[in-house]
PDB file of N, CA and C in Angstrom:
ATOM      1  N   UNK A   1      -4.520 -19.507   4.495  1.00  0.00           N
ATOM      2  CA  UNK A   1      -5.072 -18.897   4.270  1.00  0.00           C
ATOM      3  C   UNK A   1      -5.819 -18.872   2.890  1.00  0.00           C
ATOM      4  N   UNK A   2      -7.066 -18.971   2.679  1.00  0.00           N
ATOM      5  CA  UNK A   2      -6.523 -18.031   1.020  1.00  0.00           C
ATOM      6  C   UNK A   2      -6.990 -17.162   0.636  1.00  0.00           C
ATOM      7  N   UNK A   3      -6.413 -16.335  -0.940  1.00  0.00           N
ATOM      8  CA  UNK A   3      -6.524 -15.256  -1.298  1.00  0.00           C
ATOM      9  C   UNK A   3      -7.458 -14.094  -1.488  1.00  0.00           C
ATOM     10  N   UNK A   4      -8.566 -14.602  -1.254  1.00  0.00           N
ATOM     11  CA  UNK A   4     -10.193 -14.193  -0.396  1.00  0.00           C
ATOM     12  C   UNK A   4      -9.960 -13.798   1.079  1.00  0.00           C
ATOM     13  N   UNK A   5      -9.299 -14.756   1.716  1.00  0.00           N
ATOM     14  CA  UNK A   5      -9.941 -14.511   2.668  1.00  0.00           C
ATOM     15  C   UNK A   5      -8.565 -13.735   3.466  1.00  0.00           C
ATOM     16  N   UNK A   6      -7.335 -13.592   2.724  1.00  0.00           N
ATOM     17  CA  UNK A   6      -6.607 -12.544   3.013  1.00  0.00           C
ATOM     18  C   UNK A   6      -6.898 -10.720   2.801  1.00  0.00           C
ATOM     19  N   UNK A   7      -7.679 -11.271   1.930  1.00  0.00           N
ATOM     20  CA  UNK A   7      -7.946  -9.869   1.486  1.00  0.00           C
ATOM     21  C   UNK A   7      -9.332  -8.794   2.062  1.00  0.00           C
ATOM     22  N   UNK A   8     -10.226 -10.175   2.573  1.00  0.00           N
ATOM     23  CA  UNK A   8     -11.184  -9.998   3.575  1.00  0.00           C
ATOM     24  C   UNK A   8     -10.481  -9.331   5.088  1.00  0.00           C
ATOM     25  N   UNK A   9      -9.436  -9.835   5.548  1.00  0.00           N
ATOM     26  CA  UNK A   9      -8.965  -9.428   6.854  1.00  0.00           C
ATOM     27  C   UNK A   9      -8.596  -8.525   6.285  1.00  0.00           C
ATOM     28  N   UNK A  10      -7.652  -8.005   5.492  1.00  0.00           N
ATOM     29  CA  UNK A  10      -7.116  -7.702   5.114  1.00  0.00           C
ATOM     30  C   UNK A  10      -8.141  -5.702   5.338  1.00  0.00           C
ATOM     31  N   UNK A  11      -8.914  -6.061   4.898  1.00  0.00           N
ATOM     32  CA  UNK A  11      -9.976  -4.635   4.922  1.00  0.00           C
ATOM     33  C   UNK A  11     -10.418  -4.177   6.095  1.00  0.00           C
ATOM     34  N   UNK A  12     -10.163  -5.486   6.454  1.00  0.00           N
ATOM     35  CA  UNK A  12     -10.767  -4.568   8.094  1.00  0.00           C
ATOM     36  C   UNK A  12     -10.020  -3.497   9.362  1.00  0.00           C
ATOM     37  N   UNK A  13      -9.954  -2.376   8.460  1.00  0.00           N
ATOM     38  CA  UNK A  13      -8.864  -1.706   9.258  1.00  0.00           C
ATOM     39  C   UNK A  13     -10.240  -0.006   9.963  1.00  0.00           C
ATOM     40  N   UNK A  14      -9.742   0.610  10.621  1.00  0.00           N
ATOM     41  CA  UNK A  14     -10.753   1.363  11.115  1.00  0.00           C
ATOM     42  C   UNK A  14     -10.673   2.361   9.994  1.00  0.00           C
ATOM     43  N   UNK A  15     -11.779   3.235   9.997  1.00  0.00           N
ATOM     44  CA  UNK A  15     -11.736   4.176   9.665  1.00  0.00           C
ATOM     45  C   UNK A  15     -10.628   5.351   9.487  1.00  0.00           C
ATOM     46  N   UNK A  16      -9.849   5.915   7.987  1.00  0.00           N
ATOM     47  CA  UNK A  16      -8.945   6.760   8.095  1.00  0.00           C
ATOM     48  C   UNK A  16      -9.286   7.837   9.128  1.00  0.00           C
ATOM     49  N   UNK A  17      -7.918   8.478  10.074  1.00  0.00           N
ATOM     50  CA  UNK A  17      -8.440   9.658  10.939  1.00  0.00           C
ATOM     51  C   UNK A  17      -7.688  10.668  10.018  1.00  0.00           C
ATOM     52  N   UNK A  18      -6.958  10.434   9.232  1.00  0.00           N
ATOM     53  CA  UNK A  18      -6.486  11.813   8.533  1.00  0.00           C
ATOM     54  C   UNK A  18      -7.482  12.266   7.439  1.00  0.00           C
ATOM     55  N   UNK A  19      -7.708  13.115   6.720  1.00  0.00           N
ATOM     56  CA  UNK A  19      -9.258  13.544   5.477  1.00  0.00           C
ATOM     57  C   UNK A  19      -7.672  14.255   4.294  1.00  0.00           C
ATOM     58  N   UNK A  20      -6.476  13.260   4.491  1.00  0.00           N
ATOM     59  CA  UNK A  20      -5.653  13.555   3.609  1.00  0.00           C
ATOM     60  C   UNK A  20      -5.875  13.701   2.231  1.00  0.00           C
ATOM     61  N   UNK A  21      -5.374  13.879   0.727  1.00  0.00           N
ATOM     62  CA  UNK A  21      -5.225  13.941  -0.392  1.00  0.00           C
ATOM     63  C   UNK A  21      -4.500  12.670  -0.686  1.00  0.00           C
ATOM     64  N   UNK A  22      -4.431  11.991  -2.070  1.00  0.00           N
ATOM     65  CA  UNK A  22      -4.063  11.511  -2.552  1.00  0.00           C
ATOM     66  C   UNK A  22      -3.905  11.950  -3.980  1.00  0.00           C
ATOM     67  N   UNK A  23      -2.290  13.353  -4.653  1.00  0.00           N
ATOM     68  CA  UNK A  23      -2.459  13.132  -5.697  1.00  0.00           C
ATOM     69  C   UNK A  23      -2.007  12.051  -6.511  1.00  0.00           C
ATOM     70  N   UNK A  24      -2.183  11.475  -7.659  1.00  0.00           N
ATOM     71  CA  UNK A  24      -2.813  10.560  -8.582  1.00  0.00           C
ATOM     72  C   UNK A  24      -1.440  10.761  -9.662  1.00  0.00           C
ATOM     73  N   UNK A  25      -0.797   9.702 -10.154  1.00  0.00           N
ATOM     74  CA  UNK A  25       0.056  10.730 -11.551  1.00  0.00           C
ATOM     75  C   UNK A  25      -0.550  10.762 -12.678  1.00  0.00           C
ATOM     76  N   UNK A  26      -2.562  11.051 -12.731  1.00  0.00           N
ATOM     77  CA  UNK A  26      -2.186  12.053 -13.634  1.00  0.00           C
ATOM     78  C   UNK A  26      -2.997  13.072 -13.195  1.00  0.00           C
ATOM     79  N   UNK A  27      -2.476  13.570 -11.750  1.00  0.00           N
ATOM     80  CA  UNK A  27      -2.804  15.168 -11.234  1.00  0.00           C
ATOM     81  C   UNK A  27      -4.683  15.032 -10.519  1.00  0.00           C
ATOM     82  N   UNK A  28      -4.834  13.708 -10.979  1.00  0.00           N
ATOM     83  CA  UNK A  28      -6.297  13.914  -9.904  1.00  0.00           C
ATOM     84  C   UNK A  28      -5.927  13.662  -8.323  1.00  0.00           C
ATOM     85  N   UNK A  29      -7.026  13.904  -7.692  1.00  0.00           N
ATOM     86  CA  UNK A  29      -6.552  13.873  -6.686  1.00  0.00           C
ATOM     87  C   UNK A  29      -7.323  13.000  -5.843  1.00  0.00           C
ATOM     88  N   UNK A  30      -7.740  11.888  -4.767  1.00  0.00           N
ATOM     89  CA  UNK A  30      -8.935  11.448  -3.685  1.00  0.00           C
ATOM     90  C   UNK A  30      -8.304  11.417  -3.030  1.00  0.00           C
ATOM     91  N   UNK A  31      -9.113  10.788  -2.083  1.00  0.00           N
ATOM     92  CA  UNK A  31      -9.363  10.725  -0.071  1.00  0.00           C
ATOM     93  C   UNK A  31      -8.131   9.348  -0.494  1.00  0.00           C
ATOM     94  N   UNK A  32      -7.536   9.921   0.783  1.00  0.00           N
ATOM     95  CA  UNK A  32      -6.546   8.626   1.256  1.00  0.00           C
ATOM     96  C   UNK A  32      -7.408   7.554   2.261  1.00  0.00           C
ATOM     97  N   UNK A  33      -6.865   6.252   1.386  1.00  0.00           N
ATOM     98  CA  UNK A  33      -7.785   4.858   1.981  1.00  0.00           C
ATOM     99  C   UNK A  33      -6.858   4.386   2.553  1.00  0.00           C
ATOM    100  N   UNK A  34      -6.332   3.709   3.960  1.00  0.00           N
ATOM    101  CA  UNK A  34      -5.458   2.897   4.560  1.00  0.00           C
ATOM    102  C   UNK A  34      -5.625   1.553   3.284  1.00  0.00           C
ATOM    103  N   UNK A  35      -6.498   1.205   2.998  1.00  0.00           N
ATOM    104  CA  UNK A  35      -7.219  -0.312   2.901  1.00  0.00           C
ATOM    105  C   UNK A  35      -6.400  -0.637   1.235  1.00  0.00           C
ATOM    106  N   UNK A  36      -7.134   0.436   0.425  1.00  0.00           N
ATOM    107  CA  UNK A  36      -5.861  -0.068  -1.020  1.00  0.00           C
ATOM    108  C   UNK A  36      -5.051  -0.255  -0.372  1.00  0.00           C
ATOM    109  N   UNK A  37      -3.608   0.738   0.326  1.00  0.00           N
ATOM    110  CA  UNK A  37      -2.535   0.564   0.673  1.00  0.00           C
ATOM    111  C   UNK A  37      -1.996  -0.767   1.151  1.00  0.00           C
ATOM    112  N   UNK A  38      -3.670  -1.858   2.072  1.00  0.00           N
ATOM    113  CA  UNK A  38      -2.833  -2.536   2.722  1.00  0.00           C
ATOM    114  C   UNK A  38      -3.268  -4.531   1.744  1.00  0.00           C
ATOM    115  N   UNK A  39      -4.377  -3.992   0.878  1.00  0.00           N
ATOM    116  CA  UNK A  39      -5.084  -4.738   0.082  1.00  0.00           C
ATOM    117  C   UNK A  39      -4.062  -5.138  -1.018  1.00  0.00           C
ATOM    118  N   UNK A  40      -3.201  -4.303  -1.400  1.00  0.00           N
ATOM    119  CA  UNK A  40      -2.257  -4.140  -2.523  1.00  0.00           C
ATOM    120  C   UNK A  40      -0.827  -5.042  -2.123  1.00  0.00           C
ATOM    121  N   UNK A  41      -0.692  -4.216  -0.320  1.00  0.00           N
ATOM    122  CA  UNK A  41       0.387  -5.279  -0.364  1.00  0.00           C
ATOM    123  C   UNK A  41      -0.070  -6.707   0.018  1.00  0.00           C
ATOM    124  N   UNK A  42      -1.158  -7.496   0.684  1.00  0.00           N
ATOM    125  CA  UNK A  42      -1.307  -8.476   0.816  1.00  0.00           C
ATOM    126  C   UNK A  42      -1.197  -9.143  -0.357  1.00  0.00           C
ATOM    127  N   UNK A  43      -1.578  -8.561  -1.316  1.00  0.00           N
ATOM    128  CA  UNK A  43      -1.859  -9.437  -2.868  1.00  0.00           C
ATOM    129  C   UNK A  43      -0.587  -9.982  -3.720  1.00  0.00           C
ATOM    130  N   UNK A  44       0.812  -9.192  -2.535  1.00  0.00           N
ATOM    131  CA  UNK A  44       2.414 -10.114  -3.305  1.00  0.00           C
ATOM    132  C   UNK A  44       2.904 -11.106  -2.085  1.00  0.00           C
ATOM    133  N   UNK A  45       2.039 -11.439  -0.908  1.00  0.00           N
ATOM    134  CA  UNK A  45       1.767 -12.067  -0.451  1.00  0.00           C
ATOM    135  C   UNK A  45       2.687 -11.646   1.385  1.00  0.00           C
ATOM    136  N   UNK A  46       2.477 -11.166   1.473  1.00  0.00           N
ATOM    137  CA  UNK A  46       3.245 -10.532   2.737  1.00  0.00           C
ATOM    138  C   UNK A  46       2.031 -10.460   3.829  1.00  0.00           C
ATOM    139  N   UNK A  47       2.205 -10.724   5.273  1.00  0.00           N
ATOM    140  CA  UNK A  47       1.596 -11.080   6.207  1.00  0.00           C
ATOM    141  C   UNK A  47       0.156  -9.867   6.165  1.00  0.00           C
ATOM    142  N   UNK A  48      -0.848  -9.628   6.769  1.00  0.00           N
ATOM    143  CA  UNK A  48      -1.739  -9.072   6.928  1.00  0.00           C
ATOM    144  C   UNK A  48      -1.041  -8.099   7.771  1.00  0.00           C
ATOM    145  N   UNK A  49      -0.115  -8.367   9.203  1.00  0.00           N
ATOM    146  CA  UNK A  49      -0.016  -7.412   9.970  1.00  0.00           C
ATOM    147  C   UNK A  49       1.158  -6.546  10.090  1.00  0.00           C
ATOM    148  N   UNK A  50       1.559  -7.237   8.704  1.00  0.00           N
ATOM    149  CA  UNK A  50       3.247  -6.831   8.042  1.00  0.00           C
ATOM    150  C   UNK A  50       2.195  -5.042   6.773  1.00  0.00           C
ATOM    151  N   UNK A  51       1.426  -5.186   6.437  1.00  0.00           N
ATOM    152  CA  UNK A  51       0.301  -4.945   5.646  1.00  0.00           C
ATOM    153  C   UNK A  51      -0.047  -4.036   6.493  1.00  0.00           C
ATOM    154  N   UNK A  52      -0.425  -3.793   7.342  1.00  0.00           N
ATOM    155  CA  UNK A  52      -1.444  -3.090   8.478  1.00  0.00           C
ATOM    156  C   UNK A  52      -0.261  -1.668   8.712  1.00  0.00           C
ATOM    157  N   UNK A  53       0.589  -2.501   9.233  1.00  0.00           N
ATOM    158  CA  UNK A  53       1.377  -1.725  10.157  1.00  0.00           C
ATOM    159  C   UNK A  53       2.201  -0.393   8.807  1.00  0.00           C
ATOM    160  N   UNK A  54       2.762  -1.047   7.590  1.00  0.00           N
ATOM    161  CA  UNK A  54       3.216   0.050   6.624  1.00  0.00           C
ATOM    162  C   UNK A  54       1.903   0.708   6.122  1.00  0.00           C
ATOM    163  N   UNK A  55       0.728   0.405   6.380  1.00  0.00           N
ATOM    164  CA  UNK A  55      -0.254   2.125   5.984  1.00  0.00           C
ATOM    165  C   UNK A  55      -0.273   2.124   6.941  1.00  0.00           C
ATOM    166  N   UNK A  56      -0.666   1.988   8.599  1.00  0.00           N
ATOM    167  CA  UNK A  56      -0.174   3.585   9.500  1.00  0.00           C
ATOM    168  C   UNK A  56       1.258   3.987   9.706  1.00  0.00           C
ATOM    169  N   UNK A  57       2.275   3.650   9.145  1.00  0.00           N
ATOM    170  CA  UNK A  57       3.326   4.303   8.950  1.00  0.00           C
ATOM    171  C   UNK A  57       3.025   4.941   7.851  1.00  0.00           C
ATOM    172  N   UNK A  58       2.686   5.109   6.666  1.00  0.00           N
ATOM    173  CA  UNK A  58       2.271   5.870   5.831  1.00  0.00           C
ATOM    174  C   UNK A  58       1.168   6.919   6.351  1.00  0.00           C
ATOM    175  N   UNK A  59       0.445   6.530   6.820  1.00  0.00           N
ATOM    176  CA  UNK A  59      -1.180   7.896   7.201  1.00  0.00           C
ATOM    177  C   UNK A  59      -0.297   8.164   7.829  1.00  0.00           C
ATOM    178  N   UNK A  60       0.542   7.870   9.065  1.00  0.00           N
ATOM    179  CA  UNK A  60       1.000   8.867  10.317  1.00  0.00           C
ATOM    180  C   UNK A  60       2.363   9.837   9.826  1.00  0.00           C
ATOM    181  N   UNK A  61       2.784   9.437   8.152  1.00  0.00           N
ATOM    182  CA  UNK A  61       3.677  10.783   7.864  1.00  0.00           C
ATOM    183  C   UNK A  61       2.440  11.875   6.507  1.00  0.00           C
ATOM    184  N   UNK A  62       1.362  11.317   6.815  1.00  0.00           N
ATOM    185  CA  UNK A  62       0.508  11.999   5.492  1.00  0.00           C
ATOM    186  C   UNK A  62       0.041  13.431   7.129  1.00  0.00           C
ATOM    187  N   UNK A  63       0.118  14.669   6.178  1.00  0.00           N
ATOM    188  CA  UNK A  63      -0.633  16.098   6.783  1.00  0.00           C
ATOM    189  C   UNK A  63      -1.647  16.638   6.260  1.00  0.00           C
ATOM    190  N   UNK A  64      -1.283  16.701   4.704  1.00  0.00           N
ATOM    191  CA  UNK A  64      -2.400  17.073   3.825  1.00  0.00           C
ATOM    192  C   UNK A  64      -2.430  16.605   2.751  1.00  0.00           C
ATOM    193  N   UNK A  65      -1.545  16.362   1.939  1.00  0.00           N
ATOM    194  CA  UNK A  65      -1.737  15.337   0.616  1.00  0.00           C
ATOM    195  C   UNK A  65      -0.244  14.559   0.353  1.00  0.00           C
ATOM    196  N   UNK A  66      -0.392  13.754  -0.267  1.00  0.00           N
ATOM    197  CA  UNK A  66       1.254  12.903  -0.702  1.00  0.00           C
ATOM    198  C   UNK A  66       0.559  11.954  -2.060  1.00  0.00           C
ATOM    199  N   UNK A  67       1.481  12.117  -2.187  1.00  0.00           N
ATOM    200  CA  UNK A  67       1.595  11.465  -3.810  1.00  0.00           C
ATOM    201  C   UNK A  67       1.807   9.596  -4.136  1.00  0.00           C
ATOM    202  N   UNK A  68       0.940  10.125  -5.114  1.00  0.00           N
ATOM    203  CA  UNK A  68       1.262   7.688  -4.847  1.00  0.00           C
ATOM    204  C   UNK A  68       2.679   7.674  -5.382  1.00  0.00           C
ATOM    205  N   UNK A  69       3.742   8.277  -5.751  1.00  0.00           N
ATOM    206  CA  UNK A  69       4.443   8.063  -6.510  1.00  0.00           C
ATOM    207  C   UNK A  69       5.222   7.936  -4.392  1.00  0.00           C
ATOM    208  N   UNK A  70       5.154   9.380  -4.070  1.00  0.00           N
ATOM    209  CA  UNK A  70       5.706   8.696  -2.186  1.00  0.00           C
ATOM    210  C   UNK A  70       5.686   7.610  -2.171  1.00  0.00           C
ATOM    211  N   UNK A  71       3.955   7.439  -1.933  1.00  0.00           N
ATOM    212  CA  UNK A  71       3.390   5.934  -1.502  1.00  0.00           C
ATOM    213  C   UNK A  71       4.262   4.564  -1.603  1.00  0.00           C
ATOM    214  N   UNK A  72       4.453   4.822  -3.224  1.00  0.00           N
ATOM    215  CA  UNK A  72       4.945   3.754  -3.884  1.00  0.00           C
ATOM    216  C   UNK A  72       6.285   3.917  -2.905  1.00  0.00           C
ATOM    217  N   UNK A  73       7.242   4.672  -3.065  1.00  0.00           N
ATOM    218  CA  UNK A  73       8.882   4.406  -2.136  1.00  0.00           C
ATOM    219  C   UNK A  73       8.256   4.078  -1.127  1.00  0.00           C
ATOM    220  N   UNK A  74       7.596   4.297   0.421  1.00  0.00           N
ATOM    221  CA  UNK A  74       7.820   3.965   1.841  1.00  0.00           C
ATOM    222  C   UNK A  74       7.431   2.622   1.336  1.00  0.00           C
ATOM    223  N   UNK A  75       6.295   2.107   0.521  1.00  0.00           N
ATOM    224  CA  UNK A  75       6.636   0.648   0.867  1.00  0.00           C
ATOM    225  C   UNK A  75       7.013  -0.109   0.665  1.00  0.00           C
ATOM    226  N   UNK A  76       7.698   0.128  -0.840  1.00  0.00           N
ATOM    227  CA  UNK A  76       9.037  -0.467  -1.278  1.00  0.00           C
ATOM    228  C   UNK A  76       9.777  -0.206  -0.481  1.00  0.00           C
ATOM    229  N   UNK A  77      10.152   0.943   0.279  1.00  0.00           N
ATOM    230  CA  UNK A  77      11.254   0.918   1.803  1.00  0.00           C
ATOM    231  C   UNK A  77      10.791   0.252   2.873  1.00  0.00           C
ATOM    232  N   UNK A  78       9.394  -0.151   3.439  1.00  0.00           N
ATOM    233  CA  UNK A  78       9.096  -0.347   4.794  1.00  0.00           C
ATOM    234  C   UNK A  78       8.718  -2.432   4.026  1.00  0.00           C
ATOM    235  N   UNK A  79       8.860  -2.394   2.400  1.00  0.00           N
ATOM    236  CA  UNK A  79       9.431  -3.977   2.671  1.00  0.00           C
ATOM    237  C   UNK A  79      10.302  -4.322   2.152  1.00  0.00           C
ATOM    238  N   UNK A  80      11.001  -3.663   2.376  1.00  0.00           N
ATOM    239  CA  UNK A  80      12.238  -4.143   2.027  1.00  0.00           C
ATOM    240  C   UNK A  80      12.935  -4.104   3.605  1.00  0.00           C
ATOM    241  N   UNK A  81      13.105  -3.526   3.752  1.00  0.00           N
ATOM    242  CA  UNK A  81      13.586  -3.211   5.681  1.00  0.00           C
ATOM    243  C   UNK A  81      12.995  -4.647   5.902  1.00  0.00           C
ATOM    244  N   UNK A  82      11.513  -5.077   6.356  1.00  0.00           N
ATOM    245  CA  UNK A  82      11.063  -6.556   6.341  1.00  0.00           C
ATOM    246  C   UNK A  82      11.343  -7.437   6.189  1.00  0.00           C
ATOM    247  N   UNK A  83      11.193  -7.429   4.712  1.00  0.00           N
ATOM    248  CA  UNK A  83      11.897  -8.544   3.685  1.00  0.00           C
ATOM    249  C   UNK A  83      11.732  -8.672   2.040  1.00  0.00           C
ATOM    250  N   UNK A  84      13.094  -8.862   1.951  1.00  0.00           N
ATOM    251  CA  UNK A  84      13.660  -8.041   0.393  1.00  0.00           C
ATOM    252  C   UNK A  84      12.317  -8.890  -0.534  1.00  0.00           C
ATOM    253  N   UNK A  85      12.493  -9.957  -0.222  1.00  0.00           N
ATOM    254  CA  UNK A  85      11.551 -11.254  -1.477  1.00  0.00           C
ATOM    255  C   UNK A  85      10.194 -10.106  -1.249  1.00  0.00           C
ATOM    256  N   UNK A  86       9.251 -10.064  -0.934  1.00  0.00           N
ATOM    257  CA  UNK A  86       8.769  -8.613  -0.677  1.00  0.00           C
ATOM    258  C   UNK A  86       8.519  -7.405  -1.470  1.00  0.00           C
ATOM    259  N   UNK A  87       9.693  -6.888  -1.341  1.00  0.00           N
ATOM    260  CA  UNK A  87       9.580  -5.931  -2.223  1.00  0.00           C
ATOM    261  C   UNK A  87       9.887  -6.358  -3.489  1.00  0.00           C
ATOM    262  N   UNK A  88      10.156  -7.105  -4.258  1.00  0.00           N
ATOM    263  CA  UNK A  88      10.538  -7.681  -5.464  1.00  0.00           C
ATOM    264  C   UNK A  88       9.342  -8.130  -5.570  1.00  0.00           C
ATOM    265  N   UNK A  89       8.924  -9.366  -5.026  1.00  0.00           N
ATOM    266  CA  UNK A  89       7.306  -9.421  -5.491  1.00  0.00           C
ATOM    267  C   UNK A  89       6.231  -8.379  -5.828  1.00  0.00           C
ATOM    268  N   UNK A  90       6.588  -6.879  -4.616  1.00  0.00           N
ATOM    269  CA  UNK A  90       5.292  -5.704  -5.804  1.00  0.00           C
ATOM    270  C   UNK A  90       6.384  -5.295  -6.831  1.00  0.00           C
ATOM    271  N   UNK A  91       7.110  -5.512  -7.186  1.00  0.00           N
ATOM    272  CA  UNK A  91       7.772  -5.139  -8.429  1.00  0.00           C
ATOM    273  C   UNK A  91       7.070  -5.943  -9.520  1.00  0.00           C
ATOM    274  N   UNK A  92       7.300  -7.406  -9.403  1.00  0.00           N
ATOM    275  CA  UNK A  92       6.768  -7.912 -10.159  1.00  0.00           C
ATOM    276  C   UNK A  92       5.278  -7.692 -10.701  1.00  0.00           C
ATOM    277  N   UNK A  93       4.598  -7.769  -9.470  1.00  0.00           N
ATOM    278  CA  UNK A  93       2.979  -7.177  -9.628  1.00  0.00           C
ATOM    279  C   UNK A  93       2.869  -6.224 -10.248  1.00  0.00           C
ATOM    280  N   UNK A  94       3.873  -4.807 -10.060  1.00  0.00           N
ATOM    281  CA  UNK A  94       3.067  -3.702 -10.433  1.00  0.00           C
ATOM    282  C   UNK A  94       4.426  -4.123 -12.645  1.00  0.00           C
ATOM    283  N   UNK A  95       4.404  -5.569 -12.734  1.00  0.00           N
ATOM    284  CA  UNK A  95       5.245  -4.871 -14.369  1.00  0.00           C
ATOM    285  C   UNK A  95       4.035  -5.594 -15.304  1.00  0.00           C
ATOM    286  N   UNK A  96       3.841  -6.853 -14.226  1.00  0.00           N
ATOM    287  CA  UNK A  96       2.926  -8.447 -14.814  1.00  0.00           C
ATOM    288  C   UNK A  96       1.126  -7.191 -14.979  1.00  0.00           C
ATOM    289  N   UNK A  97       0.829  -7.190 -13.499  1.00  0.00           N
ATOM    290  CA  UNK A  97      -0.490  -6.549 -13.226  1.00  0.00           C
ATOM    291  C   UNK A  97      -0.818  -5.658 -13.582  1.00  0.00           C
ATOM    292  N   UNK A  98      -0.172  -4.453 -13.350  1.00  0.00           N
ATOM    293  CA  UNK A  98      -0.347  -3.384 -13.746  1.00  0.00           C
ATOM    294  C   UNK A  98       0.199  -2.866 -14.633  1.00  0.00           C
ATOM    295  N   UNK A  99       1.465  -3.792 -15.665  1.00  0.00           N
ATOM    296  CA  UNK A  99       1.950  -3.010 -16.197  1.00  0.00           C
ATOM    297  C   UNK A  99       2.808  -2.034 -16.461  1.00  0.00           C
ATOM    298  N   UNK A 100       3.579  -1.975 -15.293  1.00  0.00           N
ATOM    299  CA  UNK A 100       3.853  -0.366 -15.168  1.00  0.00           C
ATOM    300  C   UNK A 100       5.745  -0.528 -15.447  1.00  0.00           C
ATOM    301  N   UNK A 101       5.929   0.644 -15.847  1.00  0.00           N
ATOM    302  CA  UNK A 101       7.374   0.073 -15.861  1.00  0.00           C
ATOM    303  C   UNK A 101       8.196   0.818 -14.926  1.00  0.00           C
ATOM    304  N   UNK A 102       9.569  -0.026 -14.242  1.00  0.00           N
ATOM    305  CA  UNK A 102      10.251   0.267 -13.715  1.00  0.00           C
ATOM    306  C   UNK A 102      10.822   1.979 -14.053  1.00  0.00           C
TER     307      UNK A 102
END
């Protein structure tokens, strides 16, 4: 499956049930959108089903607000439990594409 098809498949998710807010690193807030998590996970090579499960896990933990740092922590933990290679690919993606230091 091509990367474009995998991303299109990843976006096929029900609308968020929780109207939670994500607190960005700069303090801004935005609506919690599970699809953003799913697409990011798929971009590092993880299967769509795993990406959906991780997004669902995060969504179940969100009550009112969640920080991007907490989302990242949960994603990395779940990727590590599933397959450590996916966690490493996520960290490489952050460093190379997002220019984020660890």
